[in-house]
Protein backbone atom coordinates (compact mmCIF):
# COMPACT_ATOMS: atom_id res chain seq x y z
CA MET A 1 0.00 0.00 0.00
CA ARG A 2 2.85 2.41 0.83
CA ILE A 3 4.45 1.89 -2.60
CA LEU A 4 1.15 2.35 -4.45
CA THR A 5 0.34 5.51 -2.53
CA SER A 6 3.78 6.91 -3.29
CA VAL A 7 3.46 6.12 -7.00
CA LEU A 8 0.01 7.68 -7.19
CA ALA A 9 1.25 10.82 -5.47
CA ARG A 10 4.16 11.17 -7.88
CA THR A 11 1.88 10.54 -10.86
CA ALA A 12 -0.56 13.21 -9.66
CA LEU A 13 2.26 15.72 -9.23
CA ALA A 14 3.68 14.90 -12.66
CA ALA A 15 0.25 15.35 -14.25
CA THR A 16 -0.09 18.74 -12.58
CA LEU A 17 3.31 19.88 -13.82
CA VAL A 18 2.73 18.64 -17.37
CA ALA A 19 -0.75 20.12 -17.56
CA GLY A 20 0.64 23.49 -16.49
CA PRO A 21 -0.54 26.41 -14.36
CA ALA A 22 -4.24 26.27 -15.25
CA VAL A 23 -4.76 22.79 -13.79
CA ALA A 24 -2.63 23.49 -10.70
CA ALA A 25 -4.56 26.65 -9.92
CA GLN A 26 -7.80 24.69 -9.43
CA ALA A 27 -6.54 23.48 -6.06
CA GLU A 28 -3.81 25.92 -5.11
CA MET A 29 -1.94 29.01 -6.24
CA VAL A 30 1.17 27.85 -8.09
CA LEU A 31 3.99 29.93 -9.61
CA HIS A 32 5.99 28.35 -12.46
CA ILE A 33 9.41 29.95 -13.00
CA GLY A 34 11.99 29.40 -15.74
CA ASN A 35 15.14 29.71 -13.63
CA LEU A 36 18.17 29.56 -15.96
CA GLY A 37 20.40 26.74 -14.73
CA GLU A 38 20.18 23.56 -12.70
CA PRO A 39 21.15 24.30 -9.09
CA ASP A 40 24.51 22.87 -8.10
CA THR A 41 23.30 22.92 -4.49
CA LEU A 42 20.58 24.30 -2.24
CA ASP A 43 22.93 24.59 0.74
CA PRO A 44 23.40 28.31 1.45
CA HIS A 45 27.03 27.61 2.35
CA HIS A 46 27.88 26.09 -1.03
CA ALA A 47 25.73 28.14 -3.41
CA SER A 48 27.13 30.86 -5.66
CA GLY A 49 24.64 31.47 -8.48
CA THR A 50 21.69 33.80 -8.88
CA TRP A 51 19.57 30.83 -10.03
CA GLU A 52 20.34 29.12 -6.71
CA ASN A 53 19.68 32.29 -4.74
CA ARG A 54 16.15 32.52 -6.16
CA ILE A 55 15.29 29.20 -4.53
CA ILE A 56 17.37 29.49 -1.36
CA GLY A 57 16.22 33.05 -0.69
CA ASP A 58 12.59 31.89 -0.76
CA MET A 59 13.32 29.18 1.79
CA PHE A 60 15.60 30.92 4.29
CA LEU A 61 15.34 34.21 6.13
CA GLY A 62 18.44 36.12 7.12
CA LEU A 63 18.70 38.60 9.96
CA LEU A 64 17.65 41.16 7.37
CA THR A 65 15.86 40.51 4.11
CA GLU A 66 14.57 42.23 0.97
CA ALA A 67 11.25 43.95 0.41
CA ALA A 68 9.52 43.59 -2.95
CA ASP A 69 11.52 46.55 -4.29
CA GLY A 70 14.84 45.12 -3.09
CA THR A 71 15.28 47.48 -0.15
CA VAL A 72 16.58 46.08 3.13
CA ILE A 73 14.00 45.35 5.83
CA PRO A 74 13.95 43.35 9.09
CA GLY A 75 13.97 39.59 8.64
CA ALA A 76 14.73 37.08 11.36
CA ALA A 77 15.79 40.06 13.48
CA THR A 78 13.16 42.63 14.34
CA SER A 79 15.63 45.27 15.57
CA TRP A 80 19.31 45.82 16.20
CA GLN A 81 21.72 48.16 17.92
CA ILE A 82 25.15 49.28 16.66
CA SER A 83 27.89 50.32 19.07
CA ASP A 84 29.31 53.84 18.84
CA ASP A 85 32.55 52.55 17.32
CA GLY A 86 30.62 50.68 14.58
CA LEU A 87 32.12 47.34 15.55
CA THR A 88 29.44 45.54 17.54
CA TYR A 89 25.95 44.71 16.22
CA THR A 90 23.36 43.29 18.60
CA PHE A 91 20.35 41.67 16.94
CA ASN A 92 17.03 40.95 18.61
CA LEU A 93 15.49 37.87 17.01
CA ARG A 94 11.83 37.49 16.18
CA ASP A 95 9.81 36.03 19.08
CA GLY A 96 8.34 32.60 18.46
CA ALA A 97 10.18 31.98 15.16
CA THR A 98 10.60 28.29 14.33
CA TRP A 99 12.07 26.06 11.69
CA SER A 100 9.52 24.38 9.45
CA ASP A 101 9.56 21.33 11.75
CA GLY A 102 8.53 23.47 14.72
CA VAL A 103 11.93 23.60 16.41
CA PRO A 104 12.68 27.16 17.64
CA VAL A 105 15.11 29.31 15.65
CA THR A 106 17.68 30.62 18.12
CA ALA A 107 20.74 32.83 18.08
CA ASP A 108 22.81 29.66 18.35
CA ASP A 109 21.61 28.61 14.86
CA PHE A 110 23.15 31.79 13.45
CA VAL A 111 26.40 31.29 15.36
CA PHE A 112 26.51 27.65 14.22
CA ALA A 113 25.93 28.71 10.60
CA LEU A 114 28.63 31.40 10.62
CA ARG A 115 31.13 29.00 12.15
CA ARG A 116 30.21 26.26 9.70
CA ILE A 117 30.66 28.30 6.53
CA LEU A 118 34.04 29.55 7.73
CA GLU A 119 35.41 26.10 8.59
CA PRO A 120 38.36 25.55 6.20
CA GLU A 121 37.33 21.91 5.73
CA LEU A 122 33.94 22.93 4.33
CA ALA A 123 35.69 24.80 1.48
CA ALA A 124 32.75 27.16 1.09
CA ARG A 125 33.42 29.05 -2.13
CA TYR A 126 31.75 32.22 -0.87
CA ALA A 127 33.13 32.32 2.68
CA SER A 128 35.27 35.39 2.02
CA ILE A 129 32.20 37.62 1.83
CA LEU A 130 31.98 37.26 5.62
CA TYR A 131 35.54 38.41 6.28
CA PRO A 132 34.37 41.71 7.81
CA ILE A 133 33.47 39.65 10.92
CA LYS A 134 36.23 39.61 13.52
CA ASN A 135 38.73 36.75 12.96
CA ALA A 136 36.70 35.32 10.07
CA GLU A 137 39.53 35.54 7.56
CA ALA A 138 42.12 34.04 9.90
CA LEU A 139 39.83 31.17 10.87
CA ASN A 140 38.79 30.45 7.29
CA GLY A 141 42.37 30.65 6.09
CA GLY A 142 43.63 28.31 8.80
CA THR A 143 46.01 30.79 10.44
CA MET A 144 43.84 30.75 13.56
CA THR A 145 42.08 27.81 15.16
CA GLY A 146 39.10 27.62 17.47
CA MET A 147 35.81 28.80 16.02
CA GLU A 148 34.89 30.18 19.42
CA ASN A 149 37.22 33.05 18.45
CA LEU A 150 34.84 34.15 15.68
CA GLY A 151 33.19 37.49 16.41
CA ALA A 152 29.72 35.99 16.78
CA ARG A 153 28.04 34.81 19.96
CA ALA A 154 24.60 33.99 21.27
CA VAL A 155 23.91 36.29 24.22
CA ASN A 156 20.77 34.24 24.81
CA ASP A 157 18.31 32.35 22.58
CA GLY A 158 16.83 35.57 21.25
CA THR A 159 19.89 37.82 21.09
CA LEU A 160 22.81 37.57 18.67
CA GLU A 161 25.96 39.67 18.91
CA ILE A 162 28.33 40.07 15.96
CA THR A 163 31.65 41.89 16.29
CA LEU A 164 33.47 43.20 13.21
CA ALA A 165 37.17 43.56 12.51
CA ALA A 166 36.59 47.14 11.37
CA PRO A 167 33.60 49.38 10.72
CA THR A 168 31.86 48.08 7.59
CA PRO A 169 29.34 50.47 5.99
CA PHE A 170 27.61 47.73 3.97
CA PHE A 171 27.36 45.14 6.75
CA LEU A 172 23.58 45.29 7.23
CA GLU A 173 23.06 44.90 3.48
CA LEU A 174 25.50 41.98 3.47
CA LEU A 175 23.29 40.16 5.98
CA THR A 176 20.57 39.74 3.34
CA HIS A 177 22.98 37.47 1.44
CA TYR A 178 22.59 33.71 1.69
CA THR A 179 26.07 33.25 3.17
CA ALA A 180 24.67 34.87 6.33
CA PHE A 181 21.51 32.77 6.48
CA PRO A 182 21.02 30.50 9.48
CA VAL A 183 21.09 26.75 9.00
CA PRO A 184 19.30 24.30 11.31
CA LYS A 185 21.93 23.02 13.72
CA HIS A 186 19.82 20.02 14.72
CA LYS A 187 19.40 18.87 11.11
CA VAL A 188 23.00 19.45 10.02
CA GLU A 189 24.27 17.53 13.02
CA ALA A 190 21.82 14.70 12.37
CA HIS A 191 22.28 14.35 8.59
CA GLY A 192 25.58 16.03 7.65
CA ASP A 193 25.60 17.25 4.05
CA ASP A 194 22.39 15.29 3.41
CA TRP A 195 20.45 17.82 5.48
CA VAL A 196 19.48 19.59 2.23
CA LYS A 197 17.64 16.58 0.77
CA PRO A 198 13.83 16.67 0.59
CA GLY A 199 12.48 15.20 3.79
CA ASN A 200 15.56 16.25 5.76
CA MET A 201 15.68 19.97 4.97
CA VAL A 202 13.89 22.39 7.24
CA THR A 203 13.83 26.14 6.67
CA ASN A 204 12.95 29.33 8.51
CA GLY A 205 11.61 31.23 5.50
CA ALA A 206 8.36 31.37 3.58
CA TYR A 207 8.89 28.11 1.68
CA VAL A 208 10.27 24.64 2.27
CA LEU A 209 11.71 22.13 -0.20
CA SER A 210 9.21 19.55 -1.43
CA GLU A 211 10.90 17.89 -4.42
CA TRP A 212 14.07 18.15 -6.48
CA LEU A 213 14.36 16.15 -9.70
CA SER A 214 17.71 16.90 -11.31
CA GLN A 215 17.46 18.73 -14.66
CA THR A 216 13.66 18.70 -14.34
CA HIS A 217 12.42 20.94 -11.54
CA VAL A 218 12.70 22.04 -7.94
CA VAL A 219 9.40 22.33 -6.04
CA THR A 220 8.93 24.38 -2.89
CA VAL A 221 5.73 24.73 -0.87
CA LYS A 222 4.57 27.35 1.59
CA SER A 223 5.74 26.81 5.14
CA ASP A 224 2.90 26.94 7.63
CA THR A 225 5.34 27.80 10.40
CA PHE A 226 6.65 30.98 8.72
CA TYR A 227 5.84 33.96 10.92
CA ASP A 228 4.09 35.83 8.09
CA ALA A 229 2.46 32.79 6.40
CA ALA A 230 -0.95 34.44 6.53
CA ASN A 231 0.28 37.07 4.07
CA VAL A 232 2.02 34.63 1.70
CA ALA A 233 -0.37 34.05 -1.21
CA ILE A 234 1.43 31.51 -3.41
CA ASP A 235 1.18 27.93 -2.18
CA LYS A 236 3.74 26.26 -4.43
CA VAL A 237 6.65 27.33 -6.62
CA VAL A 238 8.09 25.17 -9.40
CA PHE A 239 11.56 26.20 -10.62
CA TYR A 240 12.63 24.79 -14.01
CA PRO A 241 16.21 24.82 -15.32
CA SER A 242 15.95 26.81 -18.56
CA GLU A 243 19.37 27.49 -20.05
CA ASP A 244 17.88 27.29 -23.55
CA ARG A 245 16.37 30.78 -23.63
CA ASN A 246 14.43 30.21 -26.85
CA ALA A 247 12.81 27.06 -25.48
CA ALA A 248 12.01 28.89 -22.23
CA LEU A 249 10.41 31.76 -24.14
CA ARG A 250 8.25 29.28 -26.04
CA ARG A 251 7.11 27.77 -22.74
CA PHE A 252 6.35 31.23 -21.37
CA ARG A 253 4.30 32.12 -24.44
CA ALA A 254 2.46 28.80 -24.15
CA GLY A 255 1.51 29.61 -20.54
CA GLU A 256 3.68 26.88 -19.02
CA PHE A 257 5.86 29.48 -17.25
CA ASP A 258 4.44 32.42 -15.32
CA MET A 259 7.88 34.03 -15.22
CA ASN A 260 11.20 33.49 -16.96
CA THR A 261 14.42 35.02 -15.68
CA ASP A 262 15.95 35.81 -19.07
CA PHE A 263 15.11 35.86 -22.76
CA PRO A 264 17.12 35.61 -26.00
CA SER A 265 18.26 39.08 -27.00
CA GLU A 266 17.63 38.42 -30.69
CA GLN A 267 13.91 38.30 -29.88
CA ILE A 268 13.81 41.80 -28.37
CA ASP A 269 12.21 43.55 -31.35
CA TRP A 270 9.43 40.96 -31.54
CA LEU A 271 8.92 41.04 -27.78
CA LYS A 272 8.65 44.83 -27.66
CA ALA A 273 6.11 44.75 -30.47
CA ASN A 274 4.04 41.81 -29.29
CA MET A 275 4.57 41.37 -25.53
CA PRO A 276 5.57 44.80 -24.19
CA ASP A 277 3.79 44.41 -20.87
CA GLU A 278 5.40 41.06 -20.13
CA THR A 279 8.93 42.12 -21.18
CA ARG A 280 10.70 43.64 -18.19
CA ILE A 281 14.11 45.30 -18.66
CA SER A 282 15.66 47.22 -15.79
CA PRO A 283 19.08 48.58 -14.67
CA TYR A 284 21.02 45.92 -12.82
CA LEU A 285 24.13 46.16 -10.62
CA GLY A 286 26.25 43.63 -12.44
CA ILE A 287 29.20 43.15 -14.79
CA TYR A 288 29.56 40.70 -17.70
CA TYR A 289 33.25 39.95 -18.06
CA TYR A 290 35.86 37.48 -19.26
CA PRO A 291 38.21 36.24 -16.53
CA ILE A 292 41.76 35.57 -17.70
CA ASN A 293 43.71 32.69 -16.16
CA HIS A 294 46.92 34.27 -14.86
CA ASN A 295 48.45 30.82 -14.32
CA ASP A 296 48.24 30.04 -18.02
CA PRO A 297 51.67 30.60 -19.67
CA ALA A 298 50.32 32.62 -22.60
CA MET A 299 48.04 34.73 -20.40
CA GLN A 300 50.95 35.69 -18.15
CA ASP A 301 52.13 38.01 -20.93
CA GLU A 302 50.52 41.39 -20.23
CA ARG A 303 50.75 42.31 -23.92
CA ILE A 304 48.44 39.42 -24.78
CA ARG A 305 45.97 40.28 -22.03
CA ALA A 306 45.93 43.90 -23.18
CA ALA A 307 45.46 42.95 -26.82
CA LEU A 308 42.56 40.62 -26.05
CA SER A 309 40.73 43.37 -24.17
CA MET A 310 41.49 46.18 -26.63
CA ALA A 311 40.30 44.23 -29.67
CA ILE A 312 36.77 43.73 -28.31
CA ASP A 313 34.27 46.24 -29.68
CA ARG A 314 31.97 46.51 -26.68
CA GLY A 315 29.60 48.91 -28.42
CA ALA A 316 29.04 46.42 -31.23
CA ILE A 317 28.22 43.70 -28.70
CA THR A 318 25.65 45.78 -26.82
CA GLU A 319 24.12 47.51 -29.84
CA GLN A 320 24.25 44.83 -32.52
CA VAL A 321 24.40 41.50 -30.69
CA LEU A 322 22.29 42.15 -27.59
CA LYS A 323 20.19 45.25 -28.33
CA THR A 324 18.50 45.18 -24.91
CA GLY A 325 19.97 48.23 -23.20
CA GLU A 326 23.24 46.86 -21.82
CA ILE A 327 25.97 49.47 -21.39
CA PRO A 328 29.52 48.94 -22.73
CA ALA A 329 31.85 48.56 -19.74
CA GLU A 330 34.52 51.16 -19.08
CA SER A 331 35.57 49.64 -15.75
CA PHE A 332 35.21 46.48 -13.71
CA VAL A 333 33.00 48.12 -11.09
CA PRO A 334 29.67 49.31 -12.55
CA PRO A 335 28.55 52.88 -11.81
CA LEU A 336 27.63 53.12 -8.11
CA PRO A 337 26.55 56.01 -5.88
CA GLY A 338 29.49 57.45 -3.96
CA TYR A 339 32.16 55.76 -6.07
CA GLU A 340 33.97 57.14 -9.11
CA VAL A 341 35.11 54.16 -11.16
CA ALA A 342 38.62 53.85 -12.52
CA LYS A 343 38.58 53.32 -16.27
CA MET A 344 40.33 51.05 -18.74
CA PRO A 345 43.54 52.65 -20.08
CA PHE A 346 42.65 52.65 -23.78
CA LEU A 347 39.27 54.41 -23.74
CA SER A 348 40.58 57.58 -25.41
CA MET A 349 41.45 55.57 -28.54
CA SER A 350 39.03 54.86 -31.37
CA GLN A 351 38.11 51.24 -31.96
CA ALA A 352 40.25 51.18 -35.10
CA GLU A 353 43.21 52.51 -33.12
CA ARG A 354 42.63 49.90 -30.42
CA VAL A 355 42.64 47.07 -32.96
CA ALA A 356 45.83 48.38 -34.57
CA GLU A 357 47.55 48.63 -31.18
CA ALA A 358 46.30 45.19 -30.15
CA LYS A 359 47.68 43.71 -33.38
CA SER A 360 51.05 45.35 -32.73
CA LEU A 361 51.11 43.96 -29.19
CA MET A 362 50.40 40.45 -30.43
CA GLU A 363 53.14 40.72 -33.06
CA ALA A 364 55.57 41.98 -30.41
CA ALA A 365 54.66 38.88 -28.39
CA GLY A 366 55.64 36.69 -31.35
CA TYR A 367 52.33 36.02 -33.09
CA SER A 368 51.30 36.64 -36.71
CA ALA A 369 48.81 35.57 -39.36
CA SER A 370 50.94 32.48 -40.05
CA ASN A 371 51.58 31.86 -36.34
CA PRO A 372 48.39 32.78 -34.49
CA LEU A 373 47.73 32.30 -30.80
CA ASP A 374 45.35 29.41 -30.25
CA LEU A 375 43.25 29.71 -27.13
CA THR A 376 40.03 28.28 -25.75
CA LEU A 377 37.17 30.61 -24.85
CA ARG A 378 34.68 28.95 -22.50
CA TYR A 379 31.09 29.98 -21.87
CA ASN A 380 28.06 28.43 -20.20
CA THR A 381 25.12 27.32 -22.30
CA SER A 382 23.08 30.27 -23.54
CA GLU A 383 22.25 31.66 -26.96
CA ASN A 384 23.42 35.09 -25.84
CA HIS A 385 26.73 33.83 -24.43
CA LYS A 386 27.35 31.92 -27.65
CA ARG A 387 26.54 34.90 -29.87
CA ILE A 388 28.87 37.11 -27.85
CA ALA A 389 31.63 34.48 -27.95
CA VAL A 390 31.26 34.14 -31.73
CA ALA A 391 31.47 37.94 -32.12
CA VAL A 392 34.51 38.16 -29.84
CA SER A 393 36.29 35.34 -31.66
CA ALA A 394 35.81 37.25 -34.93
CA MET A 395 37.23 40.40 -33.33
CA TRP A 396 40.23 38.45 -32.05
CA LYS A 397 40.79 36.89 -35.46
CA GLN A 398 41.99 40.26 -36.77
CA ILE A 399 44.78 40.37 -34.15
CA HIS A 400 46.21 36.90 -34.83
CA VAL A 401 44.14 34.97 -32.29
CA ASN A 402 42.22 31.79 -33.06
CA ALA A 403 39.59 31.20 -30.38
CA ASN A 404 38.21 27.71 -29.97
CA LEU A 405 34.76 27.98 -28.40
CA HIS A 406 33.78 25.56 -25.65
CA ASN A 407 30.43 25.55 -23.88
CA ALA A 408 29.12 23.60 -20.89
CA ASP A 409 26.09 23.75 -18.65
CA VAL A 410 26.23 26.36 -15.94
CA ALA A 411 27.21 24.08 -13.04
CA VAL A 412 30.08 22.44 -14.95
CA HIS A 413 31.22 25.79 -16.35
CA TYR A 414 31.52 27.51 -12.99
CA ASN A 415 33.14 24.49 -11.41
CA ASP A 416 35.79 24.65 -14.14
CA LEU A 417 36.32 28.34 -13.43
CA GLU A 418 36.68 27.73 -9.72
CA GLN A 419 39.23 25.01 -10.41
CA GLY A 420 41.17 27.30 -12.76
CA ASP A 421 40.55 24.95 -15.69
CA PHE A 422 40.36 27.57 -18.47
CA GLN A 423 42.34 30.18 -20.40
CA VAL A 424 39.66 32.81 -21.02
CA ALA A 425 36.04 32.32 -20.02
CA ARG A 426 32.72 34.02 -19.66
CA ALA A 427 31.53 35.06 -16.18
CA GLY A 428 29.08 37.46 -14.63
CA TRP A 429 28.86 39.09 -11.24
CA VAL A 430 25.84 40.74 -9.69
CA ALA A 431 26.18 42.90 -6.59
CA ASP A 432 25.35 41.26 -3.29
CA TYR A 433 25.28 44.79 -1.88
CA PRO A 434 25.81 48.14 -3.68
CA ASP A 435 29.46 48.72 -2.83
CA ALA A 436 32.60 48.71 -4.99
CA GLN A 437 34.22 46.25 -2.58
CA ASN A 438 31.72 43.58 -3.64
CA PHE A 439 33.22 43.62 -7.14
CA LEU A 440 36.87 44.32 -6.36
CA PHE A 441 37.17 41.57 -3.76
CA LEU A 442 36.90 39.12 -6.67
CA LEU A 443 40.47 40.11 -7.58
CA GLN A 444 41.92 39.76 -4.09
CA THR A 445 44.20 36.84 -3.42
CA ASN A 446 42.09 35.82 -0.42
CA ALA A 447 38.90 35.58 -2.51
CA GLY A 448 39.89 31.98 -3.20
CA VAL A 449 37.98 30.19 -5.96
CA LEU A 450 35.84 33.27 -6.70
CA ASN A 451 39.02 34.89 -8.00
CA TYR A 452 38.68 32.73 -11.09
CA GLY A 453 41.80 34.00 -12.84
CA ARG A 454 43.98 33.75 -9.70
CA TYR A 455 45.02 37.39 -10.07
CA SER A 456 47.39 38.06 -7.16
CA VAL A 457 49.12 41.42 -6.80
CA PRO A 458 50.37 42.52 -3.35
CA GLU A 459 49.81 46.21 -4.02
CA PHE A 460 46.19 45.60 -4.99
CA ASP A 461 45.64 43.38 -1.94
CA SER A 462 47.23 45.97 0.35
CA LEU A 463 44.98 48.74 -0.91
CA MET A 464 41.87 46.63 -0.49
CA GLU A 465 42.93 45.76 3.06
CA GLN A 466 43.56 49.46 3.73
CA ALA A 467 40.10 50.30 2.39
CA SER A 468 38.52 47.73 4.70
CA LEU A 469 40.00 49.54 7.70
CA THR A 470 39.08 53.06 6.55
CA THR A 471 36.00 54.59 8.17
CA ASP A 472 35.96 57.81 6.12
CA LEU A 473 33.70 56.83 3.21
CA GLU A 474 35.20 59.28 0.71
CA ALA A 475 38.75 58.23 1.56
CA ARG A 476 37.70 54.58 1.38
CA ALA A 477 36.24 55.11 -2.11
CA ARG A 478 39.46 56.79 -3.30
CA ILE A 479 41.54 53.87 -2.06
CA MET A 480 39.34 51.36 -3.87
CA GLN A 481 39.49 53.47 -7.02
CA GLU A 482 43.29 53.31 -6.83
CA ALA A 483 43.09 49.54 -6.45
CA GLU A 484 40.73 49.23 -9.41
CA ALA A 485 43.11 51.33 -11.53
CA ILE A 486 45.93 48.87 -10.78
CA ALA A 487 43.81 45.89 -11.82
CA LEU A 488 42.70 47.59 -15.02
CA ALA A 489 46.26 48.57 -15.90
CA ASP A 490 47.29 44.94 -15.33
CA TYR A 491 44.41 43.72 -17.53
CA ALA A 492 43.42 41.44 -14.68
CA ASN A 493 40.27 40.51 -16.60
CA ILE A 494 38.19 41.76 -19.54
CA PRO A 495 35.09 43.80 -18.59
CA ILE A 496 32.58 43.72 -21.45
CA TYR A 497 29.29 45.30 -20.41
CA TYR A 498 27.15 46.36 -17.45
CA TYR A 499 24.05 44.26 -17.05
CA VAL A 500 20.40 45.02 -17.29
CA SER A 501 17.95 42.51 -15.83
CA LYS A 502 15.73 40.81 -18.39
CA ASN A 503 12.61 39.05 -17.18
CA MET A 504 9.42 37.80 -18.73
CA VAL A 505 6.57 38.27 -16.25
CA GLY A 506 2.98 37.33 -16.98
CA THR A 507 0.43 40.09 -16.57
CA HIS A 508 -1.44 37.75 -14.22
CA VAL A 509 1.49 37.92 -11.74
CA SER A 510 1.24 40.67 -9.11
CA GLY A 511 3.91 41.91 -6.73
CA PHE A 512 6.90 41.70 -9.10
CA VAL A 513 8.77 45.00 -8.69
CA ASP A 514 11.73 45.90 -10.92
CA ASN A 515 14.83 46.70 -8.83
CA ALA A 516 18.58 47.07 -9.29
CA LYS A 517 19.28 43.81 -7.44
CA ASP A 518 16.81 41.82 -9.55
CA ILE A 519 15.67 40.16 -6.30
CA HIS A 520 12.04 39.03 -6.37
CA ARG A 521 11.02 36.89 -3.41
CA THR A 522 7.89 34.83 -3.99
CA ARG A 523 6.40 35.80 -0.62
CA TRP A 524 5.53 39.23 -2.07
CA MET A 525 3.81 37.90 -5.21
CA SER A 526 0.49 36.40 -6.19
CA VAL A 527 -0.98 34.78 -9.31
CA ALA A 528 -4.43 35.39 -10.79
CA ARG A 529 -5.81 32.82 -13.24
């Protein structure tokens, strides 16, 4: 009987998913989302992608969280106090908050989570984002032992105290990031890494994991124990991996998806003419760039790195390939309030002059039409990434470079980048908080695997460390600008364009608010059929 019941339940769920939103809505409010790639993980301590954040951020609630418009609001903490020296933050947790299994959420869960992600043995790829916390870097790097030395302690079940190494202007915003989410101590201790499997995972946010079928879908359902469950309208969310943007757009047009988190740029004219209300394009704090592997023998030659960057016509990519409002990059850090970006050294030259200079640099490095540089350019599966890579390879052809294009699905691609298994590759970075440090730290030696190209320059690192200890915001911005100028002069990577967010949102979906973070938590939305 147990087996039959299980089979019938799975069959019923499959029928609902195949039939689409209209059938599901008869019994419950369901949101179907095309979500780019297959998640590599749903563990907040191992995630790194925006497609993972969309799921994880629905299920977990940090000390602070995002409103519908992306602004920072109270989350698991209802209030907090900051010491006069800006070093100590005391958070008052929400009374009566529980995990989805009814176990209370306590300050000790947050302390446990912060210690766990910083354990060197866990090898959390994103741990360095928490380095503003006292002793976090030393503990994560293994130069200090004893996690009790981390600047985080439970004063009591409902009070959490975090001490910083230096005043950090963006710290409250950082706490909305999944690296700072709590994890359930009782489940992690009971199940180890398997705590994230359906049936084991419990959450403190609006949704809890129901099902995960690899390369098919992730299903989350509303948590009845969430403190604000009465105001959460959507009962179930189904996230579909949708790296094929054209296929995803077809599913959106057919009504199988209520939302899709990207669309193929070549369809923009048709979309503007035929689906203007559903096509949502908005400024986005992010950079599309090509990391360069500084451990690769050819890429260690600065002349080659400079030539590769100079030969790329960024205006042609944004205006002719994409055509959806992206802005050609002039820096690695996108335009931000309170920060004047450093700019790439060759911007005063025309594109023709840049190509001529790039060709001369390649010839000085020993390459020619009869002896071109062969390199591999990697990108993750996407029509847009492919079209950009094809355009770039043509631009490089004129400077004696033959680019062999290699694509892989998003999880494999980023794993290769983190392992340093590439020469030049496509990557993107979206701000976790609106501060130049959140981009520039990617080039610090201590960023670990997130510093894909393994750029390591002591002067750059020293300036970034100096900036982290500077409380004067204007002086801090000037120091980071100086650091950015060093990286750009070194051609540490190849900035290509500043992002815009591109979403398809059905007119029957309410509560989706365009914002610069492109963060849209399901708890704020509803679906009308």
